Amino acid sequence: MSQSKLYDSAESALKDIIQDGQTLAIGGFGLCGIPEALILALRDSGATDLTCISNNAGVDDFGLGLLLHTRQIKKMISSYVGENKEFERQFLGGELEVELTPQGTLAEKLRAGGAGIPAFYTATGVGTQVAEGKETREFDGRTYILEYSLKADVALIKAQKADKAGNLIFNKTARNFNPDCAMAGRITVAEVEELVEIGELDADEIHLPGIFVQRVVVNNSPEKRIEKMTVKK
């Protein structure tokens, strides 16, 4: 490689690419597979008026919930918004714009954006509030609504392992929205737990090729907080 993709901290990985008013795609599902260190660095960057594309907005004191407390997010494009009282308060108070999107549609909007597909038709949401104001069309006697794809200025994702070329392996269900976010980002920063040399990853085991990843930062001790812990009485 002519230039290393490896950065020594989350702060340095974001320093010259984060600006006010950007759109960011952020991987994770609940608190599973979220880029913890990158989210903290994003908060500490002080960037404001951000639009965040993410399945959800974390919880009140973790994940994207941290950026809600600091009023850095102006709009959320997401699917599930429970478990976050500050999100609810800001939305009901008219302080936060929210674009609710069915979960499968959100994944496809990101995937399509990464694949260069500007829009697609889906039956999901027909006859509901999701379809309001959207173009419809019939195929084989069934109504579909037109959904536009999503792209992001910057994508922040989490993987278990990377090589120095940025090829990634995710840990089971922590893969979730991460590959889709990565492909939709103009610049993608991957937070990983383990870094290996080029050639050490089995090519057949790589989940996301390094061509979609521009920067890599190692966080080998993430908190991996459990969203809801249920224990026996």
Protein backbone atom coordinates (compact mmCIF):
# COMPACT_ATOMS: atom_id res chain seq x y z
CA MET A 1 0.00 0.00 0.00
CA SER A 2 1.19 3.50 -0.74
CA GLN A 3 -0.31 4.78 2.50
CA SER A 4 -1.07 3.01 5.74
CA LYS A 5 -4.70 2.66 6.77
CA LEU A 6 -3.77 2.23 10.43
CA TYR A 7 -4.29 5.10 12.89
CA ASP A 8 -3.04 5.13 16.46
CA SER A 9 -6.30 6.37 18.02
CA ALA A 10 -9.95 6.97 17.25
CA GLU A 11 -9.35 10.70 17.65
CA SER A 12 -6.60 10.79 15.01
CA ALA A 13 -8.67 8.65 12.64
CA LEU A 14 -11.50 11.21 12.69
CA LYS A 15 -9.54 14.42 13.10
CA ASP A 16 -9.44 15.60 9.49
CA ILE A 17 -12.64 14.05 8.13
CA ILE A 18 -15.42 15.09 10.56
CA GLN A 19 -17.23 18.36 9.92
CA ASP A 20 -20.43 20.05 11.06
CA GLY A 21 -23.54 19.11 9.07
CA GLN A 22 -22.28 15.76 7.81
CA THR A 23 -24.24 12.55 7.33
CA LEU A 24 -22.77 9.56 9.13
CA ALA A 25 -23.65 5.86 8.84
CA ILE A 26 -22.92 4.09 12.12
CA GLY A 27 -22.94 0.32 12.48
CA GLY A 28 -24.49 -1.70 15.28
CA PHE A 29 -27.73 -3.21 16.44
CA GLY A 30 -28.76 -2.06 19.89
CA LEU A 31 -25.40 -2.05 21.67
CA CYS A 32 -24.13 -5.06 19.71
CA GLY A 33 -21.31 -4.31 17.29
CA ILE A 34 -21.17 -0.56 17.84
CA PRO A 35 -17.89 1.34 17.31
CA GLU A 36 -17.57 2.47 20.93
CA ALA A 37 -14.26 4.34 20.68
CA LEU A 38 -15.19 6.05 17.42
CA ILE A 39 -18.50 7.25 18.86
CA LEU A 40 -16.66 8.76 21.84
CA ALA A 41 -14.18 10.43 19.48
CA LEU A 42 -17.07 11.77 17.41
CA ARG A 43 -18.62 13.26 20.53
CA ASP A 44 -15.31 14.79 21.57
CA SER A 45 -14.83 16.28 18.09
CA GLY A 46 -17.61 18.74 18.90
CA ALA A 47 -19.15 18.41 15.43
CA THR A 48 -22.80 19.52 15.34
CA ASP A 49 -25.87 19.39 13.09
CA LEU A 50 -25.13 15.76 12.29
CA THR A 51 -27.48 13.38 10.50
CA CYS A 52 -26.92 9.85 11.79
CA ILE A 53 -28.03 6.73 9.93
CA SER A 54 -28.17 3.89 12.43
CA ASN A 55 -30.56 1.11 13.36
CA ASN A 56 -31.10 2.83 16.72
CA ALA A 57 -29.62 5.59 18.87
CA GLY A 58 -28.00 3.60 21.65
CA VAL A 59 -29.15 4.10 25.24
CA ASP A 60 -29.13 7.21 27.39
CA ASP A 61 -25.50 6.93 28.53
CA PHE A 62 -23.87 4.77 25.86
CA GLY A 63 -23.51 4.59 22.10
CA LEU A 64 -25.15 7.35 20.08
CA GLY A 65 -27.10 8.34 23.18
CA LEU A 66 -23.96 10.23 24.20
CA LEU A 67 -24.29 12.50 21.17
CA LEU A 68 -27.94 13.15 21.91
CA HIS A 69 -27.01 14.45 25.36
CA THR A 70 -24.56 16.90 23.80
CA ARG A 71 -27.13 17.97 21.15
CA GLN A 72 -24.77 17.08 18.30
CA ILE A 73 -27.39 15.12 16.32
CA LYS A 74 -30.05 17.07 14.44
CA LYS A 75 -31.59 14.11 12.60
CA MET A 76 -31.78 10.34 13.07
CA ILE A 77 -32.55 7.96 10.21
CA SER A 78 -33.28 4.77 12.10
CA SER A 79 -35.54 1.81 12.66
CA TYR A 80 -35.83 1.19 16.41
CA VAL A 81 -35.75 4.08 18.83
CA GLY A 82 -36.72 2.55 22.16
CA GLU A 83 -34.56 2.31 25.31
CA ASN A 84 -33.56 5.96 25.10
CA LYS A 85 -35.43 8.51 27.20
CA GLU A 86 -33.42 11.47 25.90
CA PHE A 87 -34.24 10.48 22.32
CA GLU A 88 -37.93 10.39 23.25
CA ARG A 89 -37.75 13.73 25.04
CA GLN A 90 -36.01 15.51 22.15
CA PHE A 91 -38.31 14.01 19.53
CA LEU A 92 -41.53 14.84 21.38
CA GLY A 93 -40.16 18.31 22.13
CA GLY A 94 -39.50 19.00 18.45
CA GLU A 95 -35.74 19.21 19.01
CA LEU A 96 -34.81 16.13 16.97
CA GLU A 97 -35.86 15.21 13.44
CA VAL A 98 -36.55 11.49 13.02
CA GLU A 99 -37.01 9.49 9.83
CA LEU A 100 -38.35 6.09 10.87
CA THR A 101 -37.57 3.32 8.39
CA PRO A 102 -38.52 -0.38 8.53
CA GLN A 103 -35.46 -2.39 9.49
CA GLY A 104 -35.13 -4.40 6.29
CA THR A 105 -35.73 -1.30 4.20
CA LEU A 106 -33.01 0.56 6.12
CA ALA A 107 -30.53 -2.23 5.42
CA GLU A 108 -31.44 -2.25 1.74
CA LYS A 109 -31.25 1.56 1.48
CA LEU A 110 -27.66 1.38 2.76
CA ARG A 111 -26.77 -1.63 0.61
CA ALA A 112 -28.23 0.04 -2.48
CA GLY A 113 -26.33 3.24 -1.74
CA GLY A 114 -23.09 1.29 -1.53
CA ALA A 115 -23.89 -0.55 -4.76
CA GLY A 116 -24.63 2.64 -6.70
CA ILE A 117 -28.36 1.95 -6.97
CA PRO A 118 -30.27 5.23 -6.51
CA ALA A 119 -33.67 3.78 -5.52
CA PHE A 120 -35.75 0.61 -5.38
CA TYR A 121 -39.33 -0.54 -4.92
CA THR A 122 -40.51 -2.48 -1.86
CA ALA A 123 -43.86 -3.69 -0.57
CA THR A 124 -42.83 -3.00 3.02
CA GLY A 125 -44.84 -0.12 4.48
CA VAL A 126 -47.59 -0.03 1.85
CA GLY A 127 -50.83 1.16 3.46
CA THR A 128 -49.04 2.60 6.50
CA GLN A 129 -47.58 5.97 7.50
CA VAL A 130 -44.29 4.79 6.02
CA ALA A 131 -45.80 5.18 2.53
CA GLU A 132 -47.10 8.71 2.99
CA GLY A 133 -45.83 11.05 0.29
CA LYS A 134 -43.92 8.33 -1.55
CA GLU A 135 -44.30 7.24 -5.14
CA THR A 136 -46.13 3.93 -5.65
CA ARG A 137 -46.24 1.49 -8.53
CA GLU A 138 -47.87 -1.84 -9.23
CA PHE A 139 -45.94 -4.97 -10.19
CA ASP A 140 -47.86 -8.19 -10.90
CA GLY A 141 -50.96 -6.73 -9.25
CA ARG A 142 -49.20 -5.74 -6.02
CA THR A 143 -48.46 -2.20 -4.84
CA TYR A 144 -44.91 -1.16 -4.04
CA ILE A 145 -43.43 2.10 -2.73
CA LEU A 146 -40.30 3.78 -4.02
CA GLU A 147 -37.47 4.12 -1.49
CA TYR A 148 -34.32 6.12 -2.15
CA SER A 149 -30.93 4.71 -1.22
CA LEU A 150 -28.69 6.16 1.47
CA LYS A 151 -25.10 7.36 1.31
CA ALA A 152 -22.93 8.85 4.03
CA ASP A 153 -20.02 11.27 4.15
CA VAL A 154 -18.39 9.06 6.79
CA ALA A 155 -19.16 5.55 8.04
CA LEU A 156 -18.08 4.37 11.49
CA ILE A 157 -18.13 0.61 11.92
CA LYS A 158 -16.97 -2.14 14.27
CA ALA A 159 -15.29 -5.44 13.38
CA GLN A 160 -13.56 -8.17 15.33
CA LYS A 161 -10.44 -8.49 13.21
CA ALA A 162 -8.68 -6.64 10.40
CA ASP A 163 -5.49 -6.98 8.43
CA LYS A 164 -3.42 -3.96 7.51
CA ALA A 165 -5.16 -3.73 4.13
CA GLY A 166 -8.49 -3.17 5.90
CA ASN A 167 -10.02 -6.56 5.14
CA LEU A 168 -12.50 -7.29 7.94
CA ILE A 169 -13.97 -10.21 9.84
CA PHE A 170 -17.00 -9.61 12.07
CA ASN A 171 -17.98 -11.56 15.17
CA LYS A 172 -21.21 -13.47 14.54
CA THR A 173 -24.31 -11.24 14.96
CA ALA A 174 -22.12 -8.21 15.63
CA ARG A 175 -21.83 -8.07 11.84
CA ASN A 176 -25.43 -6.70 11.64
CA PHE A 177 -25.53 -3.31 9.85
CA ASN A 178 -21.75 -2.83 9.77
CA PRO A 179 -20.99 -4.05 6.22
CA ASP A 180 -23.91 -2.08 4.76
CA CYS A 181 -22.81 1.10 6.54
CA ALA A 182 -19.23 0.57 5.39
CA MET A 183 -20.23 0.27 1.74
CA ALA A 184 -22.46 3.35 1.91
CA GLY A 185 -19.73 5.58 3.36
CA ARG A 186 -17.52 7.84 1.23
CA ILE A 187 -14.86 7.40 3.92
CA THR A 188 -15.15 4.37 6.19
CA VAL A 189 -13.36 4.05 9.52
CA ALA A 190 -13.28 0.60 11.11
CA GLU A 191 -12.73 0.04 14.82
CA VAL A 192 -11.33 -3.45 15.37
CA GLU A 193 -10.28 -5.59 18.32
CA GLU A 194 -7.40 -7.37 16.61
CA LEU A 195 -5.00 -6.41 13.82
CA VAL A 196 -2.98 -8.93 11.80
CA GLU A 197 -0.55 -8.76 8.91
CA ILE A 198 -1.69 -8.85 5.30
CA GLY A 199 -2.06 -12.47 4.23
CA GLU A 200 -2.90 -13.84 7.67
CA LEU A 201 -6.66 -13.83 7.04
CA ASP A 202 -8.12 -16.69 5.05
CA ALA A 203 -9.56 -15.07 1.94
CA ASP A 204 -12.69 -17.23 2.21
CA GLU A 205 -13.35 -15.97 5.76
CA ILE A 206 -13.22 -12.24 4.96
CA HIS A 207 -16.64 -10.63 5.37
CA LEU A 208 -15.81 -7.18 3.96
CA PRO A 209 -12.99 -6.45 1.50
CA GLY A 210 -10.55 -3.71 2.40
CA ILE A 211 -11.48 -1.66 -0.67
CA PHE A 212 -14.47 -0.42 1.36
CA VAL A 213 -12.32 0.59 4.36
CA GLN A 214 -10.09 3.66 4.31
CA ARG A 215 -9.00 3.80 7.97
CA VAL A 216 -8.50 1.29 10.78
CA VAL A 217 -8.11 1.88 14.50
CA VAL A 218 -7.52 -0.80 17.14
CA ASN A 219 -9.57 -0.91 20.35
CA ASN A 220 -8.59 -4.19 21.99
CA SER A 221 -10.57 -3.64 25.19
CA PRO A 222 -14.10 -2.48 24.30
CA GLU A 223 -16.70 -2.38 27.05
CA LYS A 224 -19.28 -4.37 25.06
CA ARG A 225 -22.04 -3.31 27.41
CA ILE A 226 -25.12 -5.55 27.63
CA GLU A 227 -28.25 -3.60 26.73
CA LYS A 228 -30.57 -5.57 29.00
CA MET A 229 -29.30 -8.13 31.45
CA THR A 230 -31.83 -10.70 32.63
CA VAL A 231 -30.78 -12.88 35.54
CA LYS A 232 -32.46 -15.49 37.64
CA LYS A 233 -33.96 -14.24 40.89
